[in-house]
Amino acid sequence: MNEESVKLSFQQKLDRMIRTLRMEILNGARSPGSFLPSESALAKQFHISNKTVRKGLDVLVAEGLIVKIDRVGSLVTEQRKRTYLHFGCNPTLFEDIALSVLLDEFHARYPFIQVRAIPLDFFGHVTSAREMLAGGLLDVVSFNSSQFQELTETGDVLSLLEPLEPDNGLYPAAEEPFQHGGRLYARAVSFSPVVLCYNKTHFREAGLQEPDSSWTWDDLLETSRNLTAFSGRHSIYFVPTSLNRYPLFLLQSGWGPGPHPKAAASLRKFSDVVNDHAIFPKYFSGTSEDDSISLFKQERVSMILTTYFSLNAFRDLPLSYDISPVPLMNRGGEQRTLLLSIGAAVNRSSKEKEAARTFAEFLASPEAQRLIREQRLSIPSRKEAAETPVGDHLNRPSRYAMYRELFPTFKAHKELGIPVESLKRFSRSLKEYWSGIIDEHILNDHLEKLQPPESYRCHLP
């Protein structure tokens, strides 16, 4: 056995065998109708076990390159026509999960399946996805957790999406948002809690302690004012009316079906942060999440509420930053944060359903998840991939693994028990309140109307 083969991992040896045989078949070195070497010969050639050889041959069978003939061997087949899949996706996936890299890897492994990524408008994602799924224009589609919730509220999930079997190798918290009626309808690919991201240099220069898990929103306000007093720059920013930000304050109030007396106080604390324009830039309020990232990259703000997905913007920058849990509502209060998850679902009516399922499963496979871990700061949904150390060339925060301690605090949008459309309407009410169009009394009236009807609550998971 040569030195190179010893250094290669089990998976690398298996991948090398698959790639070698695949290319020999595709370039004609192994012609249709010929047989591959025996399993024992392949095991000796690639320094792997017979069991591993059989696993690799099964991949080539799935790709249609060979057929296994019992007691005879593996026969090379005639090359088949390519299958084309249409994948409707959030445009951010190219950055969030290195989608271009994943597509290249998928095409190398499954050369007869070609995936065409079709970016869907973020704000009209669910409407576009519904129409294109129903019209047979998409075979696979991505959803984030709130988009999937919105789809379930249309009542179309059962007719549009193919049920999937749970994958025990994935973090349960990542897959749970895609369950409905006791069935799973999307394969989780990546996930993130909302976290507080901060500039370490700004804190050090001001002589201030960095955020930790004991911080309250009052601590954030006090520290923000001290940071601003020291540097003259704004201290904190996030998109206050985003569906992935303001519901955090409802969650921290203990919101749920029934009375919610603490919700108004929680939103008041929220408004204390947003309306303090010495620390929070008024001229950016209510705009794009890109503004938050841009301000932080330029070191014009010291803290942002963000996700692991957005940390990818810093992966190649010489920026001294770290993350901590979001502040508590009160000292000693229960820690809660908003969970965002990304999943891939299969069109139930796809004419290429098996190929579509193969692609959706690939995105959550050990190979694809390992690429996400190596290429991005986003958290892979597969536990083993997420927790495997990598030779890091990325500017990853020192507290990257913090999420592992926060699982008990994760809450998806659907745990509020509020329809997504109602959350969108209340977002507009917040804009009107901060603009002085309505007062706090009217805002609280709108807050009371967020309580969903009994007919909605009885269908909650």
Protein backbone atom coordinates (compact mmCIF):
# COMPACT_ATOMS: atom_id res chain seq x y z
CA MET A 1 0.00 0.00 0.00
CA ASN A 2 1.55 3.32 -1.00
CA GLU A 3 1.92 6.32 1.30
CA GLU A 4 -0.73 8.37 -0.52
CA SER A 5 -3.43 5.76 -0.02
CA VAL A 6 -2.69 5.64 3.70
CA LYS A 7 -3.19 9.40 4.03
CA LEU A 8 -6.53 9.41 2.22
CA SER A 9 -9.65 9.12 4.36
CA PHE A 10 -12.28 6.44 3.85
CA GLN A 11 -14.57 8.94 2.10
CA GLN A 12 -11.76 10.24 -0.12
CA LYS A 13 -10.87 6.72 -1.27
CA LEU A 14 -14.51 5.99 -2.04
CA ASP A 15 -14.91 9.28 -3.91
CA ARG A 16 -11.76 8.60 -5.91
CA MET A 17 -13.07 5.21 -7.02
CA ILE A 18 -16.42 6.65 -8.05
CA ARG A 19 -14.84 9.54 -9.96
CA THR A 20 -12.33 7.30 -11.73
CA LEU A 21 -14.90 4.74 -12.89
CA ARG A 22 -17.39 7.45 -13.82
CA MET A 23 -14.89 9.26 -16.05
CA GLU A 24 -13.68 6.01 -17.64
CA ILE A 25 -17.28 5.21 -18.59
CA LEU A 26 -18.10 8.72 -19.81
CA ASN A 27 -14.95 9.13 -21.91
CA GLY A 28 -15.37 5.72 -23.52
CA ALA A 29 -12.45 3.97 -21.84
CA ARG A 30 -15.04 1.44 -20.60
CA SER A 31 -17.46 0.88 -23.44
CA PRO A 32 -21.17 -0.01 -23.14
CA GLY A 33 -21.64 -3.77 -22.75
CA SER A 34 -18.29 -4.30 -21.03
CA PHE A 35 -17.91 -5.37 -17.43
CA LEU A 36 -16.08 -3.55 -14.65
CA PRO A 37 -13.35 -5.43 -12.76
CA SER A 38 -14.56 -7.67 -9.94
CA GLU A 39 -15.32 -6.20 -6.53
CA SER A 40 -12.18 -7.77 -5.08
CA ALA A 41 -10.05 -6.32 -7.90
CA LEU A 42 -11.52 -2.86 -7.37
CA ALA A 43 -10.98 -3.18 -3.62
CA LYS A 44 -7.31 -3.94 -4.20
CA GLN A 45 -6.92 -1.16 -6.80
CA PHE A 46 -8.42 1.58 -4.61
CA HIS A 47 -7.28 0.23 -1.21
CA ILE A 48 -10.79 -0.13 0.19
CA SER A 49 -12.97 -2.98 1.44
CA ASN A 50 -15.37 -4.99 -0.71
CA LYS A 51 -18.23 -3.47 1.27
CA THR A 52 -17.03 0.02 0.35
CA VAL A 53 -16.68 -1.00 -3.31
CA ARG A 54 -20.32 -2.14 -3.30
CA LYS A 55 -21.33 1.23 -1.85
CA GLY A 56 -19.53 3.03 -4.67
CA LEU A 57 -21.01 0.77 -7.32
CA ASP A 58 -24.47 1.55 -5.96
CA VAL A 59 -23.80 5.24 -6.71
CA LEU A 60 -22.95 4.39 -10.32
CA VAL A 61 -26.10 2.27 -10.55
CA ALA A 62 -28.17 5.21 -9.29
CA GLU A 63 -26.56 7.39 -11.98
CA GLY A 64 -27.52 4.86 -14.64
CA LEU A 65 -23.90 4.22 -15.65
CA ILE A 66 -23.90 0.52 -14.75
CA VAL A 67 -26.28 -2.30 -13.88
CA LYS A 68 -25.45 -5.11 -11.49
CA ILE A 69 -26.05 -8.63 -12.77
CA ASP A 70 -26.25 -11.14 -9.94
CA ARG A 71 -23.31 -13.60 -9.91
CA VAL A 72 -21.94 -12.04 -13.11
CA GLY A 73 -20.71 -8.49 -12.41
CA SER A 74 -21.29 -4.80 -13.13
CA LEU A 75 -22.24 -4.07 -16.74
CA VAL A 76 -21.57 -0.66 -18.33
CA THR A 77 -24.80 0.69 -19.84
CA GLU A 78 -25.54 2.87 -22.82
CA GLN A 79 -25.31 6.55 -21.89
CA ARG A 80 -28.72 7.94 -21.16
CA LYS A 81 -30.13 11.37 -21.86
CA ARG A 82 -29.67 14.10 -19.31
CA THR A 83 -32.43 14.97 -16.88
CA TYR A 84 -33.00 18.68 -16.29
CA LEU A 85 -34.29 19.98 -12.95
CA HIS A 86 -35.55 23.46 -12.19
CA PHE A 87 -34.67 24.66 -8.70
CA GLY A 88 -36.54 27.72 -7.43
CA CYS A 89 -34.43 29.31 -4.74
CA ASN A 90 -33.85 32.36 -2.59
CA PRO A 91 -31.17 34.45 -4.36
CA THR A 92 -29.22 34.61 -1.08
CA LEU A 93 -28.45 30.87 -1.24
CA PHE A 94 -25.50 31.51 -3.52
CA GLU A 95 -23.90 33.33 -0.60
CA ASP A 96 -25.57 31.55 2.33
CA ILE A 97 -24.66 27.96 1.42
CA ALA A 98 -22.19 28.37 -1.47
CA LEU A 99 -24.85 27.16 -3.90
CA SER A 100 -22.62 27.44 -6.98
CA VAL A 101 -20.04 25.18 -5.32
CA LEU A 102 -22.75 22.69 -4.33
CA LEU A 103 -24.16 22.63 -7.87
CA ASP A 104 -20.71 21.93 -9.33
CA GLU A 105 -20.24 19.06 -6.89
CA PHE A 106 -23.70 17.65 -7.64
CA HIS A 107 -23.12 17.78 -11.39
CA ALA A 108 -19.77 16.00 -10.96
CA ARG A 109 -21.45 13.23 -8.96
CA TYR A 110 -24.59 13.02 -11.10
CA PRO A 111 -23.52 14.01 -14.64
CA PHE A 112 -26.88 12.96 -16.12
CA ILE A 113 -28.84 15.34 -13.89
CA GLN A 114 -28.47 19.04 -14.62
CA VAL A 115 -29.94 21.55 -12.16
CA ARG A 116 -30.95 25.01 -13.30
CA ALA A 117 -31.18 27.44 -10.37
CA ILE A 118 -34.04 29.93 -10.76
CA PRO A 119 -33.81 32.81 -8.24
CA LEU A 120 -37.22 33.85 -6.93
CA ASP A 121 -38.09 37.31 -5.66
CA PHE A 122 -37.57 37.30 -1.89
CA PHE A 123 -40.72 39.23 -1.01
CA GLY A 124 -42.93 37.33 -3.45
CA HIS A 125 -41.19 34.00 -2.92
CA VAL A 126 -44.17 32.02 -1.62
CA THR A 127 -46.58 33.31 -4.27
CA SER A 128 -44.12 32.61 -7.08
CA ALA A 129 -43.22 29.20 -5.68
CA ARG A 130 -46.90 28.17 -5.36
CA GLU A 131 -47.70 29.18 -8.92
CA MET A 132 -44.59 27.59 -10.43
CA LEU A 133 -44.97 24.36 -8.44
CA ALA A 134 -48.62 24.07 -9.46
CA GLY A 135 -47.70 24.77 -13.08
CA GLY A 136 -44.95 22.16 -13.11
CA LEU A 137 -42.28 24.81 -13.67
CA LEU A 138 -40.24 23.82 -10.61
CA ASP A 139 -39.02 20.40 -9.50
CA VAL A 140 -37.32 21.52 -6.29
CA VAL A 141 -37.80 24.72 -4.30
CA SER A 142 -36.11 26.26 -1.28
CA PHE A 143 -37.99 27.82 1.62
CA ASN A 144 -36.86 29.50 4.76
CA SER A 145 -38.86 28.64 7.86
CA SER A 146 -41.21 31.64 7.75
CA GLN A 147 -41.84 31.14 4.01
CA PHE A 148 -42.74 27.52 4.66
CA GLN A 149 -45.11 28.61 7.43
CA GLU A 150 -46.73 31.05 5.01
CA LEU A 151 -47.19 28.22 2.49
CA THR A 152 -48.84 26.01 5.12
CA GLU A 153 -51.29 28.83 5.83
CA THR A 154 -52.48 28.71 2.20
CA GLY A 155 -53.46 25.05 2.68
CA ASP A 156 -51.47 23.99 -0.40
CA VAL A 157 -48.66 22.01 1.22
CA LEU A 158 -50.30 18.59 0.87
CA SER A 159 -51.04 19.06 -2.81
CA LEU A 160 -47.75 20.73 -3.78
CA LEU A 161 -44.94 19.08 -1.81
CA GLU A 162 -43.71 15.51 -1.55
CA PRO A 163 -43.45 14.18 2.03
CA LEU A 164 -39.95 13.21 3.12
CA GLU A 165 -38.64 10.83 5.73
CA PRO A 166 -36.81 12.40 8.71
CA ASP A 167 -33.01 12.25 8.64
CA ASN A 168 -31.63 11.36 12.06
CA GLY A 169 -28.24 12.82 11.13
CA LEU A 170 -29.64 16.36 10.99
CA TYR A 171 -30.19 18.64 13.95
CA PRO A 172 -33.87 18.18 14.94
CA ALA A 173 -34.21 21.93 15.50
CA ALA A 174 -33.23 22.58 11.86
CA GLU A 175 -35.86 20.20 10.42
CA GLU A 176 -38.72 20.87 12.84
CA PRO A 177 -39.85 24.13 11.14
CA PHE A 178 -40.58 22.12 7.97
CA GLN A 179 -42.98 19.71 9.64
CA HIS A 180 -46.70 20.10 9.15
CA GLY A 181 -49.49 17.80 10.20
CA GLY A 182 -46.99 15.28 11.50
CA ARG A 183 -45.12 15.03 8.16
CA LEU A 184 -41.86 16.51 6.94
CA TYR A 185 -41.97 18.49 3.67
CA ALA A 186 -38.49 19.99 3.25
CA ARG A 187 -34.96 18.74 3.88
CA ALA A 188 -33.10 21.15 6.16
CA VAL A 189 -29.86 22.43 4.64
CA SER A 190 -28.71 25.17 7.02
CA PHE A 191 -30.03 27.13 9.99
CA SER A 192 -29.20 30.01 12.29
CA PRO A 193 -30.40 31.69 15.45
CA VAL A 194 -30.57 35.48 15.58
CA VAL A 195 -27.48 36.64 17.48
CA LEU A 196 -25.76 39.85 18.54
CA CYS A 197 -22.62 40.57 16.51
CA TYR A 198 -20.15 43.15 17.80
CA ASN A 199 -16.89 44.86 16.90
CA LYS A 200 -14.25 43.74 19.41
CA THR A 201 -11.95 46.68 18.63
CA HIS A 202 -14.64 49.25 19.46
CA PHE A 203 -15.25 47.66 22.85
CA ARG A 204 -11.56 47.41 23.63
CA GLU A 205 -10.83 51.01 22.65
CA ALA A 206 -13.72 52.25 24.81
CA GLY A 207 -12.60 50.08 27.74
CA LEU A 208 -15.97 48.30 27.87
CA GLN A 209 -16.77 44.67 28.65
CA GLU A 210 -17.87 42.59 25.66
CA PRO A 211 -21.46 41.25 25.54
CA ASP A 212 -22.21 37.91 27.18
CA SER A 213 -25.20 35.69 27.93
CA SER A 214 -26.14 37.74 31.02
CA TRP A 215 -26.76 40.93 29.05
CA THR A 216 -30.21 42.52 29.12
CA TRP A 217 -31.58 45.07 26.68
CA ASP A 218 -30.96 47.70 29.37
CA ASP A 219 -27.30 46.63 29.40
CA LEU A 220 -27.21 47.00 25.63
CA LEU A 221 -28.71 50.50 25.84
CA GLU A 222 -26.27 51.62 28.52
CA THR A 223 -23.24 50.19 26.70
CA SER A 224 -24.41 51.64 23.39
CA ARG A 225 -24.60 55.11 24.90
CA ASN A 226 -21.10 54.71 26.34
CA LEU A 227 -19.75 53.51 22.98
CA THR A 228 -21.34 56.47 21.20
CA ALA A 229 -20.07 58.92 23.82
CA PHE A 230 -16.54 57.57 23.34
CA SER A 231 -16.40 57.40 19.54
CA GLY A 232 -19.21 59.62 18.24
CA ARG A 233 -20.44 56.81 15.99
CA HIS A 234 -23.77 55.01 16.15
CA SER A 235 -23.57 51.87 18.27
CA ILE A 236 -26.36 49.49 17.28
CA TYR A 237 -28.34 48.73 14.12
CA PHE A 238 -30.69 46.14 12.67
CA VAL A 239 -33.72 46.28 10.40
CA PRO A 240 -36.41 46.93 13.05
CA THR A 241 -39.47 45.94 11.01
CA SER A 242 -37.97 42.79 9.49
CA LEU A 243 -39.97 39.59 10.03
CA ASN A 244 -36.67 38.07 11.12
CA ARG A 245 -36.03 40.70 13.81
CA TYR A 246 -39.01 42.31 15.54
CA PRO A 247 -40.82 38.98 16.34
CA LEU A 248 -37.83 38.28 18.60
CA PHE A 249 -39.28 40.79 21.06
CA LEU A 250 -42.67 39.08 20.99
CA LEU A 251 -40.97 35.75 21.70
CA GLN A 252 -39.05 37.25 24.61
CA SER A 253 -42.30 38.58 26.08
CA GLY A 254 -43.54 35.00 26.44
CA TRP A 255 -46.11 35.52 23.68
CA GLY A 256 -48.44 32.63 23.03
CA PRO A 257 -52.11 31.77 22.74
CA GLY A 258 -54.10 33.59 25.41
CA PRO A 259 -53.42 36.87 27.29
CA HIS A 260 -50.07 38.53 26.68
CA PRO A 261 -49.68 41.39 29.20
CA LYS A 262 -45.89 41.56 28.80
CA ALA A 263 -45.95 42.03 25.02
CA ALA A 264 -46.55 45.79 25.16
CA ALA A 265 -43.68 46.23 27.64
CA SER A 266 -41.41 44.15 25.40
CA LEU A 267 -42.22 46.31 22.36
CA ARG A 268 -41.65 49.40 24.47
CA LYS A 269 -38.14 48.18 25.21
CA PHE A 270 -37.73 47.50 21.49
CA SER A 271 -38.80 51.07 20.73
CA ASP A 272 -36.36 52.45 23.32
CA VAL A 273 -33.54 51.02 21.22
CA VAL A 274 -34.90 51.98 17.80
CA ASN A 275 -35.94 55.53 18.81
CA ASP A 276 -32.67 56.49 20.48
CA HIS A 277 -31.13 58.10 17.43
CA ALA A 278 -27.88 58.92 19.14
CA ILE A 279 -27.11 55.19 19.11
CA PHE A 280 -29.46 53.90 16.38
CA PRO A 281 -29.24 55.53 12.91
CA LYS A 282 -32.66 56.94 12.10
CA TYR A 283 -31.88 57.50 8.44
CA PHE A 284 -31.46 53.75 7.87
CA SER A 285 -34.55 52.63 9.80
CA GLY A 286 -36.79 50.23 7.90
CA THR A 287 -34.49 49.63 4.94
CA SER A 288 -32.58 46.59 3.74
CA GLU A 289 -30.63 44.05 5.79
CA ASP A 290 -27.76 44.89 3.43
CA ASP A 291 -27.51 48.28 5.16
CA SER A 292 -26.87 46.57 8.48
CA ILE A 293 -24.04 44.49 7.02
CA SER A 294 -22.58 47.46 5.13
CA LEU A 295 -22.52 49.68 8.22
CA PHE A 296 -20.82 46.98 10.27
CA LYS A 297 -18.25 46.21 7.55
CA GLN A 298 -17.36 49.89 7.37
CA GLU A 299 -17.12 49.95 11.20
CA ARG A 300 -19.72 52.72 11.36
CA VAL A 301 -21.75 50.81 13.94
CA SER A 302 -20.44 48.64 16.78
CA MET A 303 -23.25 46.06 17.08
CA ILE A 304 -25.88 44.47 14.86
CA LEU A 305 -28.61 41.91 15.35
CA THR A 306 -27.91 39.37 12.67
CA THR A 307 -27.60 35.67 11.76
CA TYR A 308 -24.81 33.26 10.93
CA PHE A 309 -25.90 33.60 7.29
CA SER A 310 -25.00 37.30 7.27
CA LEU A 311 -21.64 36.63 8.93
CA ASN A 312 -20.52 35.32 5.54
CA ALA A 313 -20.03 38.94 4.50
CA PHE A 314 -17.10 39.13 6.92
CA ARG A 315 -15.44 35.79 6.15
CA ASP A 316 -12.61 37.29 4.07
CA LEU A 317 -12.24 40.63 5.87
CA PRO A 318 -9.60 41.65 8.43
CA LEU A 319 -12.40 42.56 10.83
CA SER A 320 -12.11 41.92 14.57
CA TYR A 321 -15.58 40.77 15.60
CA ASP A 322 -17.43 38.16 17.62
CA ILE A 323 -20.97 37.09 18.53
CA SER A 324 -23.02 36.59 21.67
CA PRO A 325 -26.61 35.56 22.48
CA VAL A 326 -29.27 38.23 22.03
CA PRO A 327 -29.87 40.21 25.24
CA LEU A 328 -32.47 39.10 27.80
CA MET A 329 -35.64 41.06 28.37
CA ASN A 330 -34.96 41.13 32.13
CA ARG A 331 -32.16 40.04 34.45
CA GLY A 332 -32.58 36.34 35.12
CA GLY A 333 -35.29 36.10 32.45
CA GLU A 334 -35.73 33.22 30.05
CA GLN A 335 -33.39 33.28 27.07
CA ARG A 336 -35.25 33.06 23.76
CA THR A 337 -34.10 33.75 20.24
CA LEU A 338 -35.58 33.46 16.78
CA LEU A 339 -34.59 30.44 14.68
CA LEU A 340 -34.25 30.67 10.90
CA SER A 341 -33.89 27.51 8.83
CA ILE A 342 -33.40 26.86 5.10
CA GLY A 343 -34.84 23.75 3.48
CA ALA A 344 -35.29 22.15 0.05
CA ALA A 345 -38.67 20.67 -0.93
CA VAL A 346 -39.67 18.40 -3.83
CA ASN A 347 -42.61 19.13 -6.12
CA ARG A 348 -45.14 16.34 -5.59
CA SER A 349 -46.11 16.53 -9.26
CA SER A 350 -42.60 16.72 -10.72
CA LYS A 351 -42.11 14.62 -13.83
CA GLU A 352 -38.57 13.99 -12.58
CA LYS A 353 -39.44 13.25 -8.97
CA GLU A 354 -36.66 10.75 -8.31
CA ALA A 355 -34.01 13.07 -9.67
CA ALA A 356 -35.57 15.96 -7.72
CA ARG A 357 -35.47 13.91 -4.52
CA THR A 358 -31.84 12.99 -5.26
CA PHE A 359 -30.92 16.69 -5.47
CA ALA A 360 -32.84 17.68 -2.33
CA GLU A 361 -31.20 14.85 -0.41
CA PHE A 362 -27.79 15.76 -1.80
CA LEU A 363 -28.03 19.27 -0.33
CA ALA A 364 -28.25 17.70 3.14
CA SER A 365 -25.75 14.91 2.39
CA PRO A 366 -22.47 14.58 4.30
CA GLU A 367 -20.54 15.66 1.20
CA ALA A 368 -22.56 18.84 0.56
CA GLN A 369 -22.74 19.69 4.25
CA ARG A 370 -18.97 19.36 4.54
CA LEU A 371 -18.57 21.85 1.68
CA ILE A 372 -20.86 24.33 3.46
CA ARG A 373 -18.78 23.94 6.63
CA GLU A 374 -15.54 24.55 4.73
CA GLN A 375 -16.74 27.34 2.43
CA ARG A 376 -19.12 29.34 4.61
CA LEU A 377 -19.86 30.50 8.15
CA SER A 378 -23.47 29.28 7.86
CA ILE A 379 -24.26 26.33 10.14
CA PRO A 380 -24.73 23.03 8.27
CA SER A 381 -27.89 21.21 9.27
CA ARG A 382 -26.02 17.91 9.54
CA LYS A 383 -24.63 17.59 13.05
CA GLU A 384 -21.48 15.69 12.13
CA ALA A 385 -20.52 18.20 9.43
CA ALA A 386 -21.26 21.21 11.62
CA GLU A 387 -19.19 19.94 14.53
CA THR A 388 -16.21 18.58 12.59
CA PRO A 389 -13.15 20.84 12.92
CA VAL A 390 -11.92 22.38 9.68
CA GLY A 391 -8.58 23.86 8.69
CA ASP A 392 -10.06 27.31 8.76
CA HIS A 393 -9.07 29.97 6.24
CA LEU A 394 -12.15 32.05 7.04
CA ASN A 395 -12.55 34.91 9.50
CA ARG A 396 -14.78 32.87 11.77
CA PRO A 397 -15.87 34.33 15.15
CA SER A 398 -14.21 32.70 18.17
CA ARG A 399 -17.68 31.95 19.57
CA TYR A 400 -18.83 30.24 16.38
CA ALA A 401 -19.83 27.07 18.27
CA MET A 402 -22.01 29.11 20.65
CA TYR A 403 -25.15 27.93 18.83
CA ARG A 404 -24.69 24.44 20.31
CA GLU A 405 -25.51 25.81 23.77
CA LEU A 406 -28.51 27.80 22.52
CA PHE A 407 -30.70 24.99 21.16
CA PRO A 408 -33.11 25.14 24.13
CA THR A 409 -33.67 28.85 23.36
CA PHE A 410 -34.54 28.45 19.66
CA LYS A 411 -38.09 29.43 18.66
CA ALA A 412 -39.38 29.36 15.09
CA HIS A 413 -41.91 31.93 13.86
CA LYS A 414 -44.74 29.41 14.02
CA GLU A 415 -44.33 29.10 17.79
CA LEU A 416 -45.81 32.58 18.09
CA GLY A 417 -49.08 31.16 16.76
CA ILE A 418 -49.50 34.22 14.51
CA PRO A 419 -50.17 33.95 10.75
CA VAL A 420 -47.36 35.40 8.65
CA GLU A 421 -49.73 37.83 6.97
CA SER A 422 -50.65 39.23 10.40
CA LEU A 423 -46.96 39.62 11.24
CA LYS A 424 -46.50 41.57 8.00
CA ARG A 425 -49.42 43.87 8.83
CA PHE A 426 -48.07 44.53 12.31
CA SER A 427 -44.69 45.36 10.78
CA ARG A 428 -46.45 48.20 8.94
CA SER A 429 -48.03 49.31 12.24
CA LEU A 430 -44.57 49.57 13.79
CA LYS A 431 -43.42 51.78 10.92
CA GLU A 432 -46.43 54.04 11.45
CA TYR A 433 -45.75 54.20 15.19
CA TRP A 434 -42.09 55.15 14.82
CA SER A 435 -43.05 57.72 12.16
CA GLY A 436 -45.53 59.36 14.55
CA ILE A 437 -48.56 58.46 12.42
CA ILE A 438 -50.14 56.41 15.23
CA ASP A 439 -49.61 56.58 18.98
CA GLU A 440 -48.80 53.82 21.47
CA HIS A 441 -52.47 53.32 22.34
CA ILE A 442 -53.33 52.51 18.71
CA LEU A 443 -50.22 50.35 18.39
CA ASN A 444 -51.36 48.31 21.40
CA ASP A 445 -54.79 47.92 19.79
CA HIS A 446 -53.08 46.49 16.72
CA LEU A 447 -51.02 44.27 19.01
CA GLU A 448 -54.19 42.85 20.55
CA LYS A 449 -55.48 41.98 17.09
CA LEU A 450 -52.42 39.81 16.45
CA GLN A 451 -54.06 37.07 18.52
CA PRO A 452 -55.04 34.46 15.91
CA PRO A 453 -58.59 33.12 15.65
CA GLU A 454 -59.41 29.80 17.29
CA SER A 455 -59.77 28.22 13.86
CA TYR A 456 -56.09 28.98 13.20
CA ARG A 457 -54.80 27.93 16.61
CA CYS A 458 -56.45 24.53 16.44
CA HIS A 459 -54.28 23.72 13.39
CA LEU A 460 -51.00 24.69 15.03
CA PRO A 461 -48.51 21.85 15.50
